[in-house]
Amino acid sequence: MANDNGTLFPVVGREFERVHGVREAEVGPARCRLL
């Protein structure tokens, strides 16, 4: 797959989060998004 230059992937990610939800958690010092 080619680079989409930030056009579709951010949209797909936001839609997925809205539909399926994402949990936030800390793993060590890093803030993570669990899906």
PDB file of all heavy atoms in Angstrom:
ATOM      1  N   MET A   1       0.841  -1.175   0.000  1.00  0.00           N
ATOM      2  CA  MET A   1       0.000   0.000   0.000  1.00  0.00           C
ATOM      3  C   MET A   1       0.889   1.242   0.000  1.00  0.00           C
ATOM      4  O   MET A   1       1.894   1.301   0.681  1.00  0.00           O
ATOM      5  CB  MET A   1      -0.919  -0.026   1.219  1.00  0.00           C
ATOM      6  CG  MET A   1      -1.829   1.167   1.288  1.00  0.00           C
ATOM      7  SD  MET A   1      -2.941   1.109   2.687  1.00  0.00           S
ATOM      8  CE  MET A   1      -4.322   0.321   1.933  1.00  0.00           C
ATOM      9  N   ALA A   2       0.514   2.212  -0.710  1.00  0.00           N
ATOM     10  CA  ALA A   2       1.278   3.451  -0.809  1.00  0.00           C
ATOM     11  C   ALA A   2       0.956   4.387   0.350  1.00  0.00           C
ATOM     12  O   ALA A   2      -0.051   4.223   1.031  1.00  0.00           O
ATOM     13  CB  ALA A   2       0.961   4.139  -2.133  1.00  0.00           C
ATOM     14  N   ASN A   3       1.793   5.373   0.549  1.00  0.00           N
ATOM     15  CA  ASN A   3       1.565   6.400   1.555  1.00  0.00           C
ATOM     16  C   ASN A   3       0.351   7.230   1.134  1.00  0.00           C
ATOM     17  O   ASN A   3       0.274   7.705   0.011  1.00  0.00           O
ATOM     18  CB  ASN A   3       2.804   7.285   1.660  1.00  0.00           C
ATOM     19  CG  ASN A   3       2.677   8.343   2.726  1.00  0.00           C
ATOM     20  OD1 ASN A   3       1.608   8.627   3.234  1.00  0.00           O
ATOM     21  ND2 ASN A   3       3.795   8.924   3.072  1.00  0.00           N
ATOM     22  N   ASP A   4      -0.592   7.398   2.028  1.00  0.00           N
ATOM     23  CA  ASP A   4      -1.791   8.180   1.677  1.00  0.00           C
ATOM     24  C   ASP A   4      -1.652   9.650   2.073  1.00  0.00           C
ATOM     25  O   ASP A   4      -2.619  10.400   2.019  1.00  0.00           O
ATOM     26  CB  ASP A   4      -3.040   7.547   2.276  1.00  0.00           C
ATOM     27  CG  ASP A   4      -3.275   7.897   3.732  1.00  0.00           C
ATOM     28  OD1 ASP A   4      -2.310   8.294   4.425  1.00  0.00           O
ATOM     29  OD2 ASP A   4      -4.409   7.773   4.187  1.00  0.00           O
ATOM     30  N   ASN A   5      -0.442  10.052   2.473  1.00  0.00           N
ATOM     31  CA  ASN A   5      -0.160  11.445   2.848  1.00  0.00           C
ATOM     32  C   ASN A   5      -1.106  11.977   3.916  1.00  0.00           C
ATOM     33  O   ASN A   5      -1.510  13.132   3.894  1.00  0.00           O
ATOM     34  CB  ASN A   5      -0.178  12.359   1.620  1.00  0.00           C
ATOM     35  CG  ASN A   5       0.935  12.015   0.658  1.00  0.00           C
ATOM     36  OD1 ASN A   5       2.065  11.813   1.079  1.00  0.00           O
ATOM     37  ND2 ASN A   5       0.618  11.902  -0.614  1.00  0.00           N
ATOM     38  N   GLY A   6      -1.497  11.107   4.835  1.00  0.00           N
ATOM     39  CA  GLY A   6      -2.329  11.542   5.955  1.00  0.00           C
ATOM     40  C   GLY A   6      -3.760  11.866   5.593  1.00  0.00           C
ATOM     41  O   GLY A   6      -4.406  12.620   6.313  1.00  0.00           O
ATOM     42  N   THR A   7      -4.287  11.312   4.507  1.00  0.00           N
ATOM     43  CA  THR A   7      -5.657  11.655   4.118  1.00  0.00           C
ATOM     44  C   THR A   7      -6.686  10.643   4.612  1.00  0.00           C
ATOM     45  O   THR A   7      -7.663  11.025   5.239  1.00  0.00           O
ATOM     46  CB  THR A   7      -5.783  11.820   2.593  1.00  0.00           C
ATOM     47  OG1 THR A   7      -5.313  10.636   1.957  1.00  0.00           O
ATOM     48  CG2 THR A   7      -4.976  12.998   2.096  1.00  0.00           C
ATOM     49  N   LEU A   8      -6.486   9.353   4.339  1.00  0.00           N
ATOM     50  CA  LEU A   8      -7.497   8.360   4.719  1.00  0.00           C
ATOM     51  C   LEU A   8      -7.265   7.742   6.096  1.00  0.00           C
ATOM     52  O   LEU A   8      -8.211   7.504   6.834  1.00  0.00           O
ATOM     53  CB  LEU A   8      -7.556   7.227   3.678  1.00  0.00           C
ATOM     54  CG  LEU A   8      -8.104   7.618   2.318  1.00  0.00           C
ATOM     55  CD1 LEU A   8      -8.049   6.431   1.370  1.00  0.00           C
ATOM     56  CD2 LEU A   8      -9.521   8.128   2.433  1.00  0.00           C
ATOM     57  N   PHE A   9      -6.008   7.447   6.427  1.00  0.00           N
ATOM     58  CA  PHE A   9      -5.752   6.753   7.687  1.00  0.00           C
ATOM     59  C   PHE A   9      -6.254   7.505   8.911  1.00  0.00           C
ATOM     60  O   PHE A   9      -6.853   6.898   9.807  1.00  0.00           O
ATOM     61  CB  PHE A   9      -4.282   6.377   7.823  1.00  0.00           C
ATOM     62  CG  PHE A   9      -3.844   5.326   6.842  1.00  0.00           C
ATOM     63  CD1 PHE A   9      -2.639   5.455   6.187  1.00  0.00           C
ATOM     64  CD2 PHE A   9      -4.631   4.221   6.561  1.00  0.00           C
ATOM     65  CE1 PHE A   9      -2.217   4.499   5.268  1.00  0.00           C
ATOM     66  CE2 PHE A   9      -4.228   3.262   5.647  1.00  0.00           C
ATOM     67  CZ  PHE A   9      -3.017   3.397   5.001  1.00  0.00           C
ATOM     68  N   PRO A  10      -6.064   8.829   9.004  1.00  0.00           N
ATOM     69  CA  PRO A  10      -6.624   9.532  10.163  1.00  0.00           C
ATOM     70  C   PRO A  10      -8.152   9.454  10.221  1.00  0.00           C
ATOM     71  O   PRO A  10      -8.734   9.312  11.297  1.00  0.00           O
ATOM     72  CB  PRO A  10      -6.163  10.979   9.964  1.00  0.00           C
ATOM     73  CG  PRO A  10      -4.931  10.864   9.129  1.00  0.00           C
ATOM     74  CD  PRO A  10      -5.203   9.706   8.202  1.00  0.00           C
ATOM     75  N   VAL A  11      -8.809   9.513   9.075  1.00  0.00           N
ATOM     76  CA  VAL A  11     -10.273   9.418   9.031  1.00  0.00           C
ATOM     77  C   VAL A  11     -10.716   8.038   9.497  1.00  0.00           C
ATOM     78  O   VAL A  11     -11.611   7.900  10.336  1.00  0.00           O
ATOM     79  CB  VAL A  11     -10.802   9.692   7.598  1.00  0.00           C
ATOM     80  CG1 VAL A  11     -12.290   9.396   7.496  1.00  0.00           C
ATOM     81  CG2 VAL A  11     -10.503  11.117   7.196  1.00  0.00           C
ATOM     82  N   VAL A  12     -10.083   7.004   8.961  1.00  0.00           N
ATOM     83  CA  VAL A  12     -10.431   5.630   9.332  1.00  0.00           C
ATOM     84  C   VAL A  12     -10.194   5.424  10.827  1.00  0.00           C
ATOM     85  O   VAL A  12     -11.021   4.817  11.520  1.00  0.00           O
ATOM     86  CB  VAL A  12      -9.638   4.619   8.483  1.00  0.00           C
ATOM     87  CG1 VAL A  12      -9.813   3.202   9.000  1.00  0.00           C
ATOM     88  CG2 VAL A  12     -10.071   4.711   7.022  1.00  0.00           C
ATOM     89  N   GLY A  13      -9.092   5.937  11.345  1.00  0.00           N
ATOM     90  CA  GLY A  13      -8.797   5.790  12.769  1.00  0.00           C
ATOM     91  C   GLY A  13      -9.838   6.453  13.653  1.00  0.00           C
ATOM     92  O   GLY A  13     -10.307   5.863  14.634  1.00  0.00           O
ATOM     93  N   ARG A  14     -10.221   7.678  13.314  1.00  0.00           N
ATOM     94  CA  ARG A  14     -11.247   8.377  14.112  1.00  0.00           C
ATOM     95  C   ARG A  14     -12.583   7.659  14.046  1.00  0.00           C
ATOM     96  O   ARG A  14     -13.275   7.523  15.061  1.00  0.00           O
ATOM     97  CB  ARG A  14     -11.402   9.816  13.632  1.00  0.00           C
ATOM     98  CG  ARG A  14     -10.309  10.742  14.104  1.00  0.00           C
ATOM     99  CD  ARG A  14     -10.615  12.197  13.809  1.00  0.00           C
ATOM    100  NE  ARG A  14     -10.819  12.468  12.390  1.00  0.00           N
ATOM    101  CZ  ARG A  14      -9.855  12.777  11.535  1.00  0.00           C
ATOM    102  NH1 ARG A  14      -8.597  12.845  11.954  1.00  0.00           N
ATOM    103  NH2 ARG A  14     -10.124  13.030  10.268  1.00  0.00           N
ATOM    104  N   GLU A  15     -12.966   7.176  12.856  1.00  0.00           N
ATOM    105  CA  GLU A  15     -14.234   6.459  12.721  1.00  0.00           C
ATOM    106  C   GLU A  15     -14.206   5.166  13.531  1.00  0.00           C
ATOM    107  O   GLU A  15     -15.182   4.830  14.195  1.00  0.00           O
ATOM    108  CB  GLU A  15     -14.523   6.145  11.254  1.00  0.00           C
ATOM    109  CG  GLU A  15     -14.914   7.362  10.453  1.00  0.00           C
ATOM    110  CD  GLU A  15     -15.209   7.032   9.001  1.00  0.00           C
ATOM    111  OE1 GLU A  15     -15.150   5.855   8.609  1.00  0.00           O
ATOM    112  OE2 GLU A  15     -15.515   7.978   8.249  1.00  0.00           O
ATOM    113  N   PHE A  16     -13.094   4.453  13.464  1.00  0.00           N
ATOM    114  CA  PHE A  16     -12.987   3.205  14.231  1.00  0.00           C
ATOM    115  C   PHE A  16     -13.130   3.486  15.723  1.00  0.00           C
ATOM    116  O   PHE A  16     -13.864   2.791  16.422  1.00  0.00           O
ATOM    117  CB  PHE A  16     -11.651   2.506  13.961  1.00  0.00           C
ATOM    118  CG  PHE A  16     -11.514   1.236  14.741  1.00  0.00           C
ATOM    119  CD1 PHE A  16     -12.083   0.069  14.275  1.00  0.00           C
ATOM    120  CD2 PHE A  16     -10.848   1.205  15.956  1.00  0.00           C
ATOM    121  CE1 PHE A  16     -11.992  -1.107  15.014  1.00  0.00           C
ATOM    122  CE2 PHE A  16     -10.745   0.048  16.690  1.00  0.00           C
ATOM    123  CZ  PHE A  16     -11.321  -1.121  16.211  1.00  0.00           C
ATOM    124  N   GLU A  17     -12.447   4.505  16.212  1.00  0.00           N
ATOM    125  CA  GLU A  17     -12.527   4.844  17.635  1.00  0.00           C
ATOM    126  C   GLU A  17     -13.954   5.203  18.038  1.00  0.00           C
ATOM    127  O   GLU A  17     -14.412   4.825  19.114  1.00  0.00           O
ATOM    128  CB  GLU A  17     -11.583   5.990  17.965  1.00  0.00           C
ATOM    129  CG  GLU A  17     -10.139   5.590  17.930  1.00  0.00           C
ATOM    130  CD  GLU A  17      -9.205   6.711  18.347  1.00  0.00           C
ATOM    131  OE1 GLU A  17      -9.668   7.718  18.921  1.00  0.00           O
ATOM    132  OE2 GLU A  17      -7.998   6.578  18.084  1.00  0.00           O
ATOM    133  N   ARG A  18     -14.652   5.921  17.179  1.00  0.00           N
ATOM    134  CA  ARG A  18     -16.028   6.319  17.487  1.00  0.00           C
ATOM    135  C   ARG A  18     -16.944   5.098  17.549  1.00  0.00           C
ATOM    136  O   ARG A  18     -17.790   4.994  18.427  1.00  0.00           O
ATOM    137  CB  ARG A  18     -16.524   7.314  16.443  1.00  0.00           C
ATOM    138  CG  ARG A  18     -17.827   7.969  16.797  1.00  0.00           C
ATOM    139  CD  ARG A  18     -18.244   9.096  15.858  1.00  0.00           C
ATOM    140  NE  ARG A  18     -18.261   8.689  14.459  1.00  0.00           N
ATOM    141  CZ  ARG A  18     -17.421   9.133  13.517  1.00  0.00           C
ATOM    142  NH1 ARG A  18     -16.471   9.990  13.817  1.00  0.00           N
ATOM    143  NH2 ARG A  18     -17.522   8.723  12.275  1.00  0.00           N
ATOM    144  N   VAL A  19     -16.744   4.142  16.653  1.00  0.00           N
ATOM    145  CA  VAL A  19     -17.613   2.965  16.580  1.00  0.00           C
ATOM    146  C   VAL A  19     -17.248   1.921  17.638  1.00  0.00           C
ATOM    147  O   VAL A  19     -18.120   1.367  18.306  1.00  0.00           O
ATOM    148  CB  VAL A  19     -17.548   2.338  15.163  1.00  0.00           C
ATOM    149  CG1 VAL A  19     -18.267   1.003  15.116  1.00  0.00           C
ATOM    150  CG2 VAL A  19     -18.128   3.292  14.137  1.00  0.00           C
ATOM    151  N   HIS A  20     -15.952   1.651  17.791  1.00  0.00           N
ATOM    152  CA  HIS A  20     -15.515   0.538  18.640  1.00  0.00           C
ATOM    153  C   HIS A  20     -14.947   0.962  19.981  1.00  0.00           C
ATOM    154  O   HIS A  20     -14.784   0.129  20.866  1.00  0.00           O
ATOM    155  CB  HIS A  20     -14.466  -0.294  17.899  1.00  0.00           C
ATOM    156  CG  HIS A  20     -15.034  -1.021  16.728  1.00  0.00           C
ATOM    157  ND1 HIS A  20     -15.705  -2.212  16.847  1.00  0.00           N
ATOM    158  CD2 HIS A  20     -15.066  -0.709  15.410  1.00  0.00           C
ATOM    159  CE1 HIS A  20     -16.103  -2.610  15.659  1.00  0.00           C
ATOM    160  NE2 HIS A  20     -15.736  -1.705  14.760  1.00  0.00           N
ATOM    161  N   GLY A  21     -14.603   2.213  20.111  1.00  0.00           N
ATOM    162  CA  GLY A  21     -14.040   2.682  21.373  1.00  0.00           C
ATOM    163  C   GLY A  21     -12.575   2.310  21.519  1.00  0.00           C
ATOM    164  O   GLY A  21     -12.091   1.367  20.907  1.00  0.00           O
ATOM    165  N   VAL A  22     -11.892   3.080  22.316  1.00  0.00           N
ATOM    166  CA  VAL A  22     -10.478   2.869  22.596  1.00  0.00           C
ATOM    167  C   VAL A  22     -10.268   3.194  24.065  1.00  0.00           C
ATOM    168  O   VAL A  22     -10.820   4.167  24.573  1.00  0.00           O
ATOM    169  CB  VAL A  22      -9.600   3.794  21.712  1.00  0.00           C
ATOM    170  CG1 VAL A  22      -8.153   3.726  22.134  1.00  0.00           C
ATOM    171  CG2 VAL A  22      -9.742   3.415  20.256  1.00  0.00           C
ATOM    172  N   ARG A  23      -9.496   2.343  24.735  1.00  0.00           N
ATOM    173  CA  ARG A  23      -9.166   2.617  26.133  1.00  0.00           C
ATOM    174  C   ARG A  23      -7.779   3.220  26.193  1.00  0.00           C
ATOM    175  O   ARG A  23      -6.903   2.843  25.438  1.00  0.00           O
ATOM    176  CB  ARG A  23      -9.158   1.312  26.934  1.00  0.00           C
ATOM    177  CG  ARG A  23     -10.522   0.767  27.184  1.00  0.00           C
ATOM    178  CD  ARG A  23     -10.540  -0.440  28.132  1.00  0.00           C
ATOM    179  NE  ARG A  23      -9.276  -0.811  28.723  1.00  0.00           N
ATOM    180  CZ  ARG A  23      -8.737  -2.034  28.643  1.00  0.00           C
ATOM    181  NH1 ARG A  23      -9.341  -2.986  27.995  1.00  0.00           N
ATOM    182  NH2 ARG A  23      -7.587  -2.297  29.229  1.00  0.00           N
ATOM    183  N   GLU A  24      -7.594   4.139  27.097  1.00  0.00           N
ATOM    184  CA  GLU A  24      -6.268   4.701  27.322  1.00  0.00           C
ATOM    185  C   GLU A  24      -5.707   4.090  28.595  1.00  0.00           C
ATOM    186  O   GLU A  24      -6.435   3.844  29.549  1.00  0.00           O
ATOM    187  CB  GLU A  24      -6.333   6.219  27.424  1.00  0.00           C
ATOM    188  CG  GLU A  24      -6.693   6.874  26.108  1.00  0.00           C
ATOM    189  CD  GLU A  24      -6.492   8.376  26.123  1.00  0.00           C
ATOM    190  OE1 GLU A  24      -6.055   8.912  27.164  1.00  0.00           O
ATOM    191  OE2 GLU A  24      -6.773   8.992  25.098  1.00  0.00           O
ATOM    192  N   ALA A  25      -4.401   3.828  28.572  1.00  0.00           N
ATOM    193  CA  ALA A  25      -3.731   3.237  29.728  1.00  0.00           C
ATOM    194  C   ALA A  25      -2.269   3.657  29.700  1.00  0.00           C
ATOM    195  O   ALA A  25      -1.777   4.134  28.686  1.00  0.00           O
ATOM    196  CB  ALA A  25      -3.836   1.720  29.690  1.00  0.00           C
ATOM    197  N   GLU A  26      -1.600   3.485  30.822  1.00  0.00           N
ATOM    198  CA  GLU A  26      -0.167   3.746  30.875  1.00  0.00           C
ATOM    199  C   GLU A  26       0.566   2.418  30.868  1.00  0.00           C
ATOM    200  O   GLU A  26       0.208   1.494  31.587  1.00  0.00           O
ATOM    201  CB  GLU A  26       0.181   4.543  32.123  1.00  0.00           C
ATOM    202  CG  GLU A  26      -0.291   5.973  32.034  1.00  0.00           C
ATOM    203  CD  GLU A  26       0.174   6.820  33.193  1.00  0.00           C
ATOM    204  OE1 GLU A  26       1.133   6.433  33.897  1.00  0.00           O
ATOM    205  OE2 GLU A  26      -0.428   7.882  33.397  1.00  0.00           O
ATOM    206  N   VAL A  27       1.580   2.342  30.024  1.00  0.00           N
ATOM    207  CA  VAL A  27       2.479   1.191  29.982  1.00  0.00           C
ATOM    208  C   VAL A  27       3.858   1.758  30.264  1.00  0.00           C
ATOM    209  O   VAL A  27       4.433   2.454  29.426  1.00  0.00           O
ATOM    210  CB  VAL A  27       2.439   0.482  28.609  1.00  0.00           C
ATOM    211  CG1 VAL A  27       3.424  -0.682  28.582  1.00  0.00           C
ATOM    212  CG2 VAL A  27       1.029   0.005  28.286  1.00  0.00           C
ATOM    213  N   GLY A  28       4.332   1.498  31.482  1.00  0.00           N
ATOM    214  CA  GLY A  28       5.553   2.170  31.915  1.00  0.00           C
ATOM    215  C   GLY A  28       5.275   3.661  31.918  1.00  0.00           C
ATOM    216  O   GLY A  28       4.225   4.109  32.377  1.00  0.00           O
ATOM    217  N   PRO A  29       6.161   4.473  31.346  1.00  0.00           N
ATOM    218  CA  PRO A  29       5.933   5.913  31.313  1.00  0.00           C
ATOM    219  C   PRO A  29       5.119   6.380  30.096  1.00  0.00           C
ATOM    220  O   PRO A  29       4.838   7.565  29.957  1.00  0.00           O
ATOM    221  CB  PRO A  29       7.352   6.483  31.255  1.00  0.00           C
ATOM    222  CG  PRO A  29       8.116   5.433  30.524  1.00  0.00           C
ATOM    223  CD  PRO A  29       7.514   4.113  30.955  1.00  0.00           C
ATOM    224  N   ALA A  30       4.742   5.446  29.233  1.00  0.00           N
ATOM    225  CA  ALA A  30       4.063   5.824  27.984  1.00  0.00           C
ATOM    226  C   ALA A  30       2.546   5.783  28.120  1.00  0.00           C
ATOM    227  O   ALA A  30       1.983   4.843  28.675  1.00  0.00           O
ATOM    228  CB  ALA A  30       4.487   4.890  26.859  1.00  0.00           C
ATOM    229  N   ARG A  31       1.896   6.796  27.604  1.00  0.00           N
ATOM    230  CA  ARG A  31       0.434   6.836  27.517  1.00  0.00           C
ATOM    231  C   ARG A  31       0.052   6.075  26.245  1.00  0.00           C
ATOM    232  O   ARG A  31       0.547   6.390  25.156  1.00  0.00           O
ATOM    233  CB  ARG A  31      -0.023   8.290  27.425  1.00  0.00           C
ATOM    234  CG  ARG A  31      -1.447   8.483  27.677  1.00  0.00           C
ATOM    235  CD  ARG A  31      -1.707   8.549  29.187  1.00  0.00           C
ATOM    236  NE  ARG A  31      -3.140   8.695  29.366  1.00  0.00           N
ATOM    237  CZ  ARG A  31      -3.856   7.886  30.117  1.00  0.00           C
ATOM    238  NH1 ARG A  31      -3.294   6.958  30.826  1.00  0.00           N
ATOM    239  NH2 ARG A  31      -5.147   8.049  30.197  1.00  0.00           N
ATOM    240  N   CYS A  32      -0.796   5.058  26.367  1.00  0.00           N
ATOM    241  CA  CYS A  32      -1.115   4.176  25.239  1.00  0.00           C
ATOM    242  C   CYS A  32      -2.610   4.155  24.968  1.00  0.00           C
ATOM    243  O   CYS A  32      -3.417   4.423  25.847  1.00  0.00           O
ATOM    244  CB  CYS A  32      -0.648   2.757  25.535  1.00  0.00           C
ATOM    245  SG  CYS A  32       1.121   2.637  25.810  1.00  0.00           S
ATOM    246  N   ARG A  33      -2.947   3.812  23.739  1.00  0.00           N
ATOM    247  CA  ARG A  33      -4.341   3.641  23.331  1.00  0.00           C
ATOM    248  C   ARG A  33      -4.519   2.166  23.027  1.00  0.00           C
ATOM    249  O   ARG A  33      -3.840   1.617  22.161  1.00  0.00           O
ATOM    250  CB  ARG A  33      -4.643   4.511  22.126  1.00  0.00           C
ATOM    251  CG  ARG A  33      -4.419   5.992  22.444  1.00  0.00           C
ATOM    252  CD  ARG A  33      -4.478   6.867  21.236  1.00  0.00           C
ATOM    253  NE  ARG A  33      -5.813   6.988  20.679  1.00  0.00           N
ATOM    254  CZ  ARG A  33      -6.804   7.707  21.199  1.00  0.00           C
ATOM    255  NH1 ARG A  33      -6.603   8.371  22.320  1.00  0.00           N
ATOM    256  NH2 ARG A  33      -7.966   7.775  20.628  1.00  0.00           N
ATOM    257  N   LEU A  34      -5.435   1.524  23.743  1.00  0.00           N
ATOM    258  CA  LEU A  34      -5.671   0.089  23.589  1.00  0.00           C
ATOM    259  C   LEU A  34      -6.941  -0.120  22.774  1.00  0.00           C
ATOM    260  O   LEU A  34      -7.968   0.491  23.055  1.00  0.00           O
ATOM    261  CB  LEU A  34      -5.814  -0.568  24.964  1.00  0.00           C
ATOM    262  CG  LEU A  34      -4.679  -0.288  25.957  1.00  0.00           C
ATOM    263  CD1 LEU A  34      -4.999  -0.898  27.306  1.00  0.00           C
ATOM    264  CD2 LEU A  34      -3.359  -0.792  25.424  1.00  0.00           C
ATOM    265  N   LEU A  35      -6.851  -0.981  21.768  1.00  0.00           N
ATOM    266  CA  LEU A  35      -8.004  -1.209  20.910  1.00  0.00           C
ATOM    267  C   LEU A  35      -8.029  -2.662  20.469  1.00  0.00           C
ATOM    268  O   LEU A  35      -7.006  -3.335  20.468  1.00  0.00           O
ATOM    269  CB  LEU A  35      -7.950  -0.281  19.691  1.00  0.00           C
ATOM    270  CG  LEU A  35      -6.627  -0.261  18.942  1.00  0.00           C
ATOM    271  CD1 LEU A  35      -6.715  -1.060  17.683  1.00  0.00           C
ATOM    272  CD2 LEU A  35      -6.276   1.172  18.651  1.00  0.00           C
TER     273      LEU A  35
END
